[in-house]
Amino acid sequence: MDSGVQGGPPIDGFEPLLDSREASRYLRIHYKTLEAKARLGLVPAMKEGKCWLFRLSLLNEDVDHKLKSNVTNHAVLTRDRKEKS
């Protein structure tokens, strides 16, 4: 029977935590890059002992926010360039 650990189904509504290697597969980046971003506070994570832990839902929200922010920033930059010319 699956205990819900290591990316298995949630136990009583608790979303499983992913380690660096598991989470990095979803983001398609090297796990060391993800750990460095976690260390700098650039991605939502917590450290338990020597292990970085991540929630997939929080990583997804973070990616969504950054994508929306980049689109907004790009739109503002494009608008500003057009106004100057």
PDB file of N, CA and C in Angstrom:
ATOM      1  N   MET A   1       0.842  -1.184   0.000  1.00  0.00           N
ATOM      2  CA  MET A   1       0.000   0.000   0.000  1.00  0.00           C
ATOM      3  C   MET A   1       0.882   1.241   0.000  1.00  0.00           C
ATOM      4  N   ASP A   2       0.538   2.236  -0.822  1.00  0.00           N
ATOM      5  CA  ASP A   2       1.332   3.453  -0.948  1.00  0.00           C
ATOM      6  C   ASP A   2       1.055   4.374   0.232  1.00  0.00           C
ATOM      7  N   SER A   3       2.106   4.863   0.861  1.00  0.00           N
ATOM      8  CA  SER A   3       1.962   5.734   2.028  1.00  0.00           C
ATOM      9  C   SER A   3       1.760   7.187   1.657  1.00  0.00           C
ATOM     10  N   GLY A   4       1.850   7.507   0.349  1.00  0.00           N
ATOM     11  CA  GLY A   4       1.700   8.888  -0.069  1.00  0.00           C
ATOM     12  C   GLY A   4       3.005   9.661  -0.011  1.00  0.00           C
ATOM     13  N   VAL A   5       4.090   9.005   0.315  1.00  0.00           N
ATOM     14  CA  VAL A   5       5.390   9.662   0.398  1.00  0.00           C
ATOM     15  C   VAL A   5       6.058   9.607  -0.963  1.00  0.00           C
ATOM     16  N   GLN A   6       6.956  10.534  -1.221  1.00  0.00           N
ATOM     17  CA  GLN A   6       7.718  10.595  -2.462  1.00  0.00           C
ATOM     18  C   GLN A   6       6.815  10.721  -3.686  1.00  0.00           C
ATOM     19  N   GLY A   7       5.941  11.713  -3.672  1.00  0.00           N
ATOM     20  CA  GLY A   7       5.143  12.014  -4.843  1.00  0.00           C
ATOM     21  C   GLY A   7       3.921  11.131  -5.026  1.00  0.00           C
ATOM     22  N   GLY A   8       3.586  10.301  -4.044  1.00  0.00           N
ATOM     23  CA  GLY A   8       2.396   9.457  -4.119  1.00  0.00           C
ATOM     24  C   GLY A   8       1.145  10.285  -3.866  1.00  0.00           C
ATOM     25  N   PRO A   9      -0.005   9.631  -3.758  1.00  0.00           N
ATOM     26  CA  PRO A   9      -1.244  10.363  -3.529  1.00  0.00           C
ATOM     27  C   PRO A   9      -1.262  11.025  -2.151  1.00  0.00           C
ATOM     28  N   PRO A  10      -2.014  12.113  -2.008  1.00  0.00           N
ATOM     29  CA  PRO A  10      -2.081  12.806  -0.716  1.00  0.00           C
ATOM     30  C   PRO A  10      -2.662  11.909   0.381  1.00  0.00           C
ATOM     31  N   ILE A  11      -2.195  12.101   1.594  1.00  0.00           N
ATOM     32  CA  ILE A  11      -2.732  11.410   2.758  1.00  0.00           C
ATOM     33  C   ILE A  11      -3.579  12.412   3.518  1.00  0.00           C
ATOM     34  N   ASP A  12      -4.883  12.125   3.651  1.00  0.00           N
ATOM     35  CA  ASP A  12      -5.793  13.003   4.393  1.00  0.00           C
ATOM     36  C   ASP A  12      -5.634  14.466   3.997  1.00  0.00           C
ATOM     37  N   GLY A  13      -5.545  14.733   2.711  1.00  0.00           N
ATOM     38  CA  GLY A  13      -5.471  16.103   2.220  1.00  0.00           C
ATOM     39  C   GLY A  13      -4.092  16.733   2.290  1.00  0.00           C
ATOM     40  N   PHE A  14      -3.089  16.020   2.772  1.00  0.00           N
ATOM     41  CA  PHE A  14      -1.735  16.566   2.841  1.00  0.00           C
ATOM     42  C   PHE A  14      -1.032  16.307   1.524  1.00  0.00           C
ATOM     43  N   GLU A  15      -0.599  17.379   0.884  1.00  0.00           N
ATOM     44  CA  GLU A  15       0.107  17.237  -0.388  1.00  0.00           C
ATOM     45  C   GLU A  15       1.529  16.752  -0.129  1.00  0.00           C
ATOM     46  N   PRO A  16       1.941  15.684  -0.795  1.00  0.00           N
ATOM     47  CA  PRO A  16       3.295  15.155  -0.579  1.00  0.00           C
ATOM     48  C   PRO A  16       4.369  16.181  -0.949  1.00  0.00           C
ATOM     49  N   LEU A  17       5.480  16.082  -0.264  1.00  0.00           N
ATOM     50  CA  LEU A  17       6.627  16.932  -0.558  1.00  0.00           C
ATOM     51  C   LEU A  17       7.550  16.199  -1.517  1.00  0.00           C
ATOM     52  N   LEU A  18       8.150  16.958  -2.413  1.00  0.00           N
ATOM     53  CA  LEU A  18       9.089  16.395  -3.383  1.00  0.00           C
ATOM     54  C   LEU A  18      10.498  16.794  -2.991  1.00  0.00           C
ATOM     55  N   ASP A  19      11.454  15.908  -3.235  1.00  0.00           N
ATOM     56  CA  ASP A  19      12.843  16.296  -3.007  1.00  0.00           C
ATOM     57  C   ASP A  19      13.346  17.055  -4.242  1.00  0.00           C
ATOM     58  N   SER A  20      14.575  17.503  -4.191  1.00  0.00           N
ATOM     59  CA  SER A  20      15.140  18.327  -5.271  1.00  0.00           C
ATOM     60  C   SER A  20      15.103  17.636  -6.631  1.00  0.00           C
ATOM     61  N   ARG A  21      15.465  16.384  -6.637  1.00  0.00           N
ATOM     62  CA  ARG A  21      15.514  15.648  -7.915  1.00  0.00           C
ATOM     63  C   ARG A  21      14.115  15.481  -8.507  1.00  0.00           C
ATOM     64  N   GLU A  22      13.136  15.144  -7.664  1.00  0.00           N
ATOM     65  CA  GLU A  22      11.764  14.975  -8.153  1.00  0.00           C
ATOM     66  C   GLU A  22      11.207  16.304  -8.669  1.00  0.00           C
ATOM     67  N   ALA A  23      11.369  17.359  -7.887  1.00  0.00           N
ATOM     68  CA  ALA A  23      10.830  18.668  -8.275  1.00  0.00           C
ATOM     69  C   ALA A  23      11.525  19.206  -9.525  1.00  0.00           C
ATOM     70  N   SER A  24      12.819  18.969  -9.645  1.00  0.00           N
ATOM     71  CA  SER A  24      13.564  19.491 -10.794  1.00  0.00           C
ATOM     72  C   SER A  24      13.110  18.855 -12.109  1.00  0.00           C
ATOM     73  N   ARG A  25      12.620  17.615 -12.038  1.00  0.00           N
ATOM     74  CA  ARG A  25      12.108  16.959 -13.252  1.00  0.00           C
ATOM     75  C   ARG A  25      10.901  17.700 -13.808  1.00  0.00           C
ATOM     76  N   TYR A  26      10.033  18.179 -12.928  1.00  0.00           N
ATOM     77  CA  TYR A  26       8.859  18.936 -13.369  1.00  0.00           C
ATOM     78  C   TYR A  26       9.260  20.263 -13.997  1.00  0.00           C
ATOM     79  N   LEU A  27      10.286  20.896 -13.452  1.00  0.00           N
ATOM     80  CA  LEU A  27      10.722  22.209 -13.946  1.00  0.00           C
ATOM     81  C   LEU A  27      11.709  22.106 -15.104  1.00  0.00           C
ATOM     82  N   ARG A  28      12.182  20.889 -15.353  1.00  0.00           N
ATOM     83  CA  ARG A  28      13.150  20.640 -16.424  1.00  0.00           C
ATOM     84  C   ARG A  28      14.439  21.442 -16.255  1.00  0.00           C
ATOM     85  N   ILE A  29      14.901  21.468 -15.004  1.00  0.00           N
ATOM     86  CA  ILE A  29      16.189  22.080 -14.702  1.00  0.00           C
ATOM     87  C   ILE A  29      16.982  21.088 -13.860  1.00  0.00           C
ATOM     88  N   HIS A  30      18.271  21.290 -13.757  1.00  0.00           N
ATOM     89  CA  HIS A  30      19.117  20.407 -12.964  1.00  0.00           C
ATOM     90  C   HIS A  30      18.771  20.591 -11.483  1.00  0.00           C
ATOM     91  N   TYR A  31      18.828  19.526 -10.727  1.00  0.00           N
ATOM     92  CA  TYR A  31      18.444  19.613  -9.318  1.00  0.00           C
ATOM     93  C   TYR A  31      19.355  20.546  -8.533  1.00  0.00           C
ATOM     94  N   LYS A  32      20.608  20.666  -8.920  1.00  0.00           N
ATOM     95  CA  LYS A  32      21.527  21.585  -8.230  1.00  0.00           C
ATOM     96  C   LYS A  32      21.124  23.040  -8.485  1.00  0.00           C
ATOM     97  N   THR A  33      20.625  23.325  -9.688  1.00  0.00           N
ATOM     98  CA  THR A  33      20.128  24.668 -10.003  1.00  0.00           C
ATOM     99  C   THR A  33      18.923  24.984  -9.129  1.00  0.00           C
ATOM    100  N   LEU A  34      18.025  24.012  -8.973  1.00  0.00           N
ATOM    101  CA  LEU A  34      16.844  24.209  -8.128  1.00  0.00           C
ATOM    102  C   LEU A  34      17.261  24.436  -6.673  1.00  0.00           C
ATOM    103  N   GLU A  35      18.217  23.682  -6.185  1.00  0.00           N
ATOM    104  CA  GLU A  35      18.693  23.863  -4.812  1.00  0.00           C
ATOM    105  C   GLU A  35      19.316  25.246  -4.626  1.00  0.00           C
ATOM    106  N   ALA A  36      20.049  25.717  -5.624  1.00  0.00           N
ATOM    107  CA  ALA A  36      20.649  27.051  -5.546  1.00  0.00           C
ATOM    108  C   ALA A  36      19.564  28.122  -5.497  1.00  0.00           C
ATOM    109  N   LYS A  37      18.519  27.968  -6.311  1.00  0.00           N
ATOM    110  CA  LYS A  37      17.404  28.915  -6.299  1.00  0.00           C
ATOM    111  C   LYS A  37      16.681  28.879  -4.954  1.00  0.00           C
ATOM    112  N   ALA A  38      16.534  27.699  -4.381  1.00  0.00           N
ATOM    113  CA  ALA A  38      15.904  27.562  -3.063  1.00  0.00           C
ATOM    114  C   ALA A  38      16.742  28.260  -1.997  1.00  0.00           C
ATOM    115  N   ARG A  39      18.057  28.065  -2.051  1.00  0.00           N
ATOM    116  CA  ARG A  39      18.967  28.686  -1.093  1.00  0.00           C
ATOM    117  C   ARG A  39      18.864  30.207  -1.131  1.00  0.00           C
ATOM    118  N   LEU A  40      18.649  30.760  -2.326  1.00  0.00           N
ATOM    119  CA  LEU A  40      18.546  32.212  -2.499  1.00  0.00           C
ATOM    120  C   LEU A  40      17.128  32.731  -2.266  1.00  0.00           C
ATOM    121  N   GLY A  41      16.183  31.822  -2.009  1.00  0.00           N
ATOM    122  CA  GLY A  41      14.805  32.240  -1.778  1.00  0.00           C
ATOM    123  C   GLY A  41      14.049  32.571  -3.053  1.00  0.00           C
ATOM    124  N   LEU A  42      14.516  32.078  -4.194  1.00  0.00           N
ATOM    125  CA  LEU A  42      13.886  32.387  -5.479  1.00  0.00           C
ATOM    126  C   LEU A  42      12.748  31.438  -5.831  1.00  0.00           C
ATOM    127  N   VAL A  43      12.653  30.326  -5.124  1.00  0.00           N
ATOM    128  CA  VAL A  43      11.555  29.375  -5.303  1.00  0.00           C
ATOM    129  C   VAL A  43      11.062  28.957  -3.916  1.00  0.00           C
ATOM    130  N   PRO A  44       9.770  28.635  -3.789  1.00  0.00           N
ATOM    131  CA  PRO A  44       9.255  28.212  -2.489  1.00  0.00           C
ATOM    132  C   PRO A  44       9.780  26.831  -2.110  1.00  0.00           C
ATOM    133  N   ALA A  45      10.445  26.755  -0.972  1.00  0.00           N
ATOM    134  CA  ALA A  45      11.046  25.492  -0.532  1.00  0.00           C
ATOM    135  C   ALA A  45      11.300  25.547   0.959  1.00  0.00           C
ATOM    136  N   MET A  46      11.545  24.392   1.529  1.00  0.00           N
ATOM    137  CA  MET A  46      11.983  24.314   2.922  1.00  0.00           C
ATOM    138  C   MET A  46      13.107  23.295   3.008  1.00  0.00           C
ATOM    139  N   LYS A  47      13.963  23.497   3.974  1.00  0.00           N
ATOM    140  CA  LYS A  47      15.086  22.567   4.128  1.00  0.00           C
ATOM    141  C   LYS A  47      14.900  21.790   5.417  1.00  0.00           C
ATOM    142  N   GLU A  48      14.954  20.498   5.301  1.00  0.00           N
ATOM    143  CA  GLU A  48      14.844  19.597   6.448  1.00  0.00           C
ATOM    144  C   GLU A  48      16.141  18.814   6.501  1.00  0.00           C
ATOM    145  N   GLY A  49      16.982  19.147   7.455  1.00  0.00           N
ATOM    146  CA  GLY A  49      18.309  18.533   7.510  1.00  0.00           C
ATOM    147  C   GLY A  49      19.112  18.982   6.302  1.00  0.00           C
ATOM    148  N   LYS A  50      19.582  18.033   5.506  1.00  0.00           N
ATOM    149  CA  LYS A  50      20.343  18.356   4.300  1.00  0.00           C
ATOM    150  C   LYS A  50      19.482  18.315   3.046  1.00  0.00           C
ATOM    151  N   CYS A  51      18.190  18.035   3.209  1.00  0.00           N
ATOM    152  CA  CYS A  51      17.304  17.819   2.070  1.00  0.00           C
ATOM    153  C   CYS A  51      16.384  19.010   1.826  1.00  0.00           C
ATOM    154  N   TRP A  52      16.364  19.513   0.596  1.00  0.00           N
ATOM    155  CA  TRP A  52      15.413  20.541   0.204  1.00  0.00           C
ATOM    156  C   TRP A  52      14.109  19.861  -0.193  1.00  0.00           C
ATOM    157  N   LEU A  53      12.985  20.430   0.264  1.00  0.00           N
ATOM    158  CA  LEU A  53      11.674  19.869  -0.022  1.00  0.00           C
ATOM    159  C   LEU A  53      10.786  20.922  -0.691  1.00  0.00           C
ATOM    160  N   PHE A  54       9.956  20.458  -1.616  1.00  0.00           N
ATOM    161  CA  PHE A  54       9.135  21.346  -2.431  1.00  0.00           C
ATOM    162  C   PHE A  54       7.722  20.795  -2.541  1.00  0.00           C
ATOM    163  N   ARG A  55       6.755  21.689  -2.679  1.00  0.00           N
ATOM    164  CA  ARG A  55       5.380  21.307  -2.999  1.00  0.00           C
ATOM    165  C   ARG A  55       5.153  21.661  -4.459  1.00  0.00           C
ATOM    166  N   LEU A  56       4.680  20.701  -5.215  1.00  0.00           N
ATOM    167  CA  LEU A  56       4.461  20.910  -6.644  1.00  0.00           C
ATOM    168  C   LEU A  56       3.475  22.056  -6.882  1.00  0.00           C
ATOM    169  N   SER A  57       2.432  22.144  -6.088  1.00  0.00           N
ATOM    170  CA  SER A  57       1.433  23.205  -6.276  1.00  0.00           C
ATOM    171  C   SER A  57       2.053  24.586  -6.080  1.00  0.00           C
ATOM    172  N   LEU A  58       2.955  24.735  -5.110  1.00  0.00           N
ATOM    173  CA  LEU A  58       3.609  26.029  -4.887  1.00  0.00           C
ATOM    174  C   LEU A  58       4.590  26.362  -5.999  1.00  0.00           C
ATOM    175  N   LEU A  59       5.283  25.359  -6.497  1.00  0.00           N
ATOM    176  CA  LEU A  59       6.177  25.589  -7.637  1.00  0.00           C
ATOM    177  C   LEU A  59       5.373  26.018  -8.854  1.00  0.00           C
ATOM    178  N   ASN A  60       4.218  25.385  -9.061  1.00  0.00           N
ATOM    179  CA  ASN A  60       3.356  25.730 -10.189  1.00  0.00           C
ATOM    180  C   ASN A  60       2.860  27.176 -10.073  1.00  0.00           C
ATOM    181  N   GLU A  61       2.436  27.566  -8.880  1.00  0.00           N
ATOM    182  CA  GLU A  61       2.001  28.950  -8.651  1.00  0.00           C
ATOM    183  C   GLU A  61       3.143  29.925  -8.906  1.00  0.00           C
ATOM    184  N   ASP A  62       4.334  29.571  -8.468  1.00  0.00           N
ATOM    185  CA  ASP A  62       5.503  30.417  -8.662  1.00  0.00           C
ATOM    186  C   ASP A  62       5.814  30.598 -10.146  1.00  0.00           C
ATOM    187  N   VAL A  63       5.751  29.511 -10.898  1.00  0.00           N
ATOM    188  CA  VAL A  63       5.987  29.579 -12.347  1.00  0.00           C
ATOM    189  C   VAL A  63       4.914  30.443 -13.004  1.00  0.00           C
ATOM    190  N   ASP A  64       3.648  30.238 -12.650  1.00  0.00           N
ATOM    191  CA  ASP A  64       2.562  31.052 -13.210  1.00  0.00           C
ATOM    192  C   ASP A  64       2.790  32.533 -12.946  1.00  0.00           C
ATOM    193  N   HIS A  65       3.151  32.851 -11.702  1.00  0.00           N
ATOM    194  CA  HIS A  65       3.389  34.256 -11.338  1.00  0.00           C
ATOM    195  C   HIS A  65       4.538  34.847 -12.161  1.00  0.00           C
ATOM    196  N   LYS A  66       5.620  34.090 -12.290  1.00  0.00           N
ATOM    197  CA  LYS A  66       6.774  34.592 -13.042  1.00  0.00           C
ATOM    198  C   LYS A  66       6.454  34.738 -14.522  1.00  0.00           C
ATOM    199  N   LEU A  67       5.684  33.819 -15.077  1.00  0.00           N
ATOM    200  CA  LEU A  67       5.297  33.931 -16.485  1.00  0.00           C
ATOM    201  C   LEU A  67       4.425  35.160 -16.709  1.00  0.00           C
ATOM    202  N   LYS A  68       3.455  35.376 -15.837  1.00  0.00           N
ATOM    203  CA  LYS A  68       2.580  36.547 -15.958  1.00  0.00           C
ATOM    204  C   LYS A  68       3.367  37.834 -15.779  1.00  0.00           C
ATOM    205  N   SER A  69       4.306  37.827 -14.856  1.00  0.00           N
ATOM    206  CA  SER A  69       5.141  38.994 -14.607  1.00  0.00           C
ATOM    207  C   SER A  69       6.005  39.312 -15.824  1.00  0.00           C
ATOM    208  N   ASN A  70       6.583  38.295 -16.446  1.00  0.00           N
ATOM    209  CA  ASN A  70       7.409  38.510 -17.634  1.00  0.00           C
ATOM    210  C   ASN A  70       6.587  39.036 -18.793  1.00  0.00           C
ATOM    211  N   VAL A  71       5.383  38.527 -18.964  1.00  0.00           N
ATOM    212  CA  VAL A  71       4.511  39.018 -20.041  1.00  0.00           C
ATOM    213  C   VAL A  71       4.187  40.477 -19.791  1.00  0.00           C
ATOM    214  N   THR A  72       3.854  40.827 -18.552  1.00  0.00           N
ATOM    215  CA  THR A  72       3.533  42.208 -18.207  1.00  0.00           C
ATOM    216  C   THR A  72       4.738  43.105 -18.424  1.00  0.00           C
ATOM    217  N   ASN A  73       5.894  42.700 -17.937  1.00  0.00           N
ATOM    218  CA  ASN A  73       7.104  43.504 -18.094  1.00  0.00           C
ATOM    219  C   ASN A  73       7.443  43.688 -19.562  1.00  0.00           C
ATOM    220  N   HIS A  74       7.301  42.634 -20.360  1.00  0.00           N
ATOM    221  CA  HIS A  74       7.586  42.720 -21.782  1.00  0.00           C
ATOM    222  C   HIS A  74       6.623  43.699 -22.459  1.00  0.00           C
ATOM    223  N   ALA A  75       5.348  43.646 -22.083  1.00  0.00           N
ATOM    224  CA  ALA A  75       4.352  44.537 -22.673  1.00  0.00           C
ATOM    225  C   ALA A  75       4.673  45.986 -22.340  1.00  0.00           C
ATOM    226  N   VAL A  76       5.076  46.265 -21.123  1.00  0.00           N
ATOM    227  CA  VAL A  76       5.424  47.632 -20.716  1.00  0.00           C
ATOM    228  C   VAL A  76       6.650  48.105 -21.471  1.00  0.00           C
ATOM    229  N   LEU A  77       7.669  47.266 -21.573  1.00  0.00           N
ATOM    230  CA  LEU A  77       8.881  47.646 -22.302  1.00  0.00           C
ATOM    231  C   LEU A  77       8.579  47.919 -23.770  1.00  0.00           C
ATOM    232  N   THR A  78       7.756  47.081 -24.374  1.00  0.00           N
ATOM    233  CA  THR A  78       7.401  47.268 -25.772  1.00  0.00           C
ATOM    234  C   THR A  78       6.638  48.574 -25.951  1.00  0.00           C
ATOM    235  N   ARG A  79       5.704  48.840 -25.055  1.00  0.00           N
ATOM    236  CA  ARG A  79       4.918  50.071 -25.133  1.00  0.00           C
ATOM    237  C   ARG A  79       5.829  51.291 -24.987  1.00  0.00           C
ATOM    238  N   ASP A  80       6.749  51.240 -24.016  1.00  0.00           N
ATOM    239  CA  ASP A  80       7.656  52.362 -23.781  1.00  0.00           C
ATOM    240  C   ASP A  80       8.541  52.623 -24.993  1.00  0.00           C
ATOM    241  N   ARG A  81       9.006  51.580 -25.655  1.00  0.00           N
ATOM    242  CA  ARG A  81       9.836  51.745 -26.846  1.00  0.00           C
ATOM    243  C   ARG A  81       9.046  52.403 -27.974  1.00  0.00           C
ATOM    244  N   LYS A  82       7.781  51.990 -28.136  1.00  0.00           N
ATOM    245  CA  LYS A  82       6.946  52.563 -29.201  1.00  0.00           C
ATOM    246  C   LYS A  82       6.659  54.036 -28.933  1.00  0.00           C
ATOM    247  N   GLU A  83       6.444  54.402 -27.654  1.00  0.00           N
ATOM    248  CA  GLU A  83       6.157  55.787 -27.311  1.00  0.00           C
ATOM    249  C   GLU A  83       7.361  56.689 -27.562  1.00  0.00           C
ATOM    250  N   LYS A  84       8.559  56.177 -27.389  1.00  0.00           N
ATOM    251  CA  LYS A  84       9.776  56.962 -27.574  1.00  0.00           C
ATOM    252  C   LYS A  84      10.102  57.191 -29.036  1.00  0.00           C
ATOM    253  N   SER A  85       9.629  56.298 -29.927  1.00  0.00           N
ATOM    254  CA  SER A  85       9.975  56.447 -31.341  1.00  0.00           C
ATOM    255  C   SER A  85       8.997  57.282 -32.095  1.00  0.00           C
TER     256      SER A  85
END
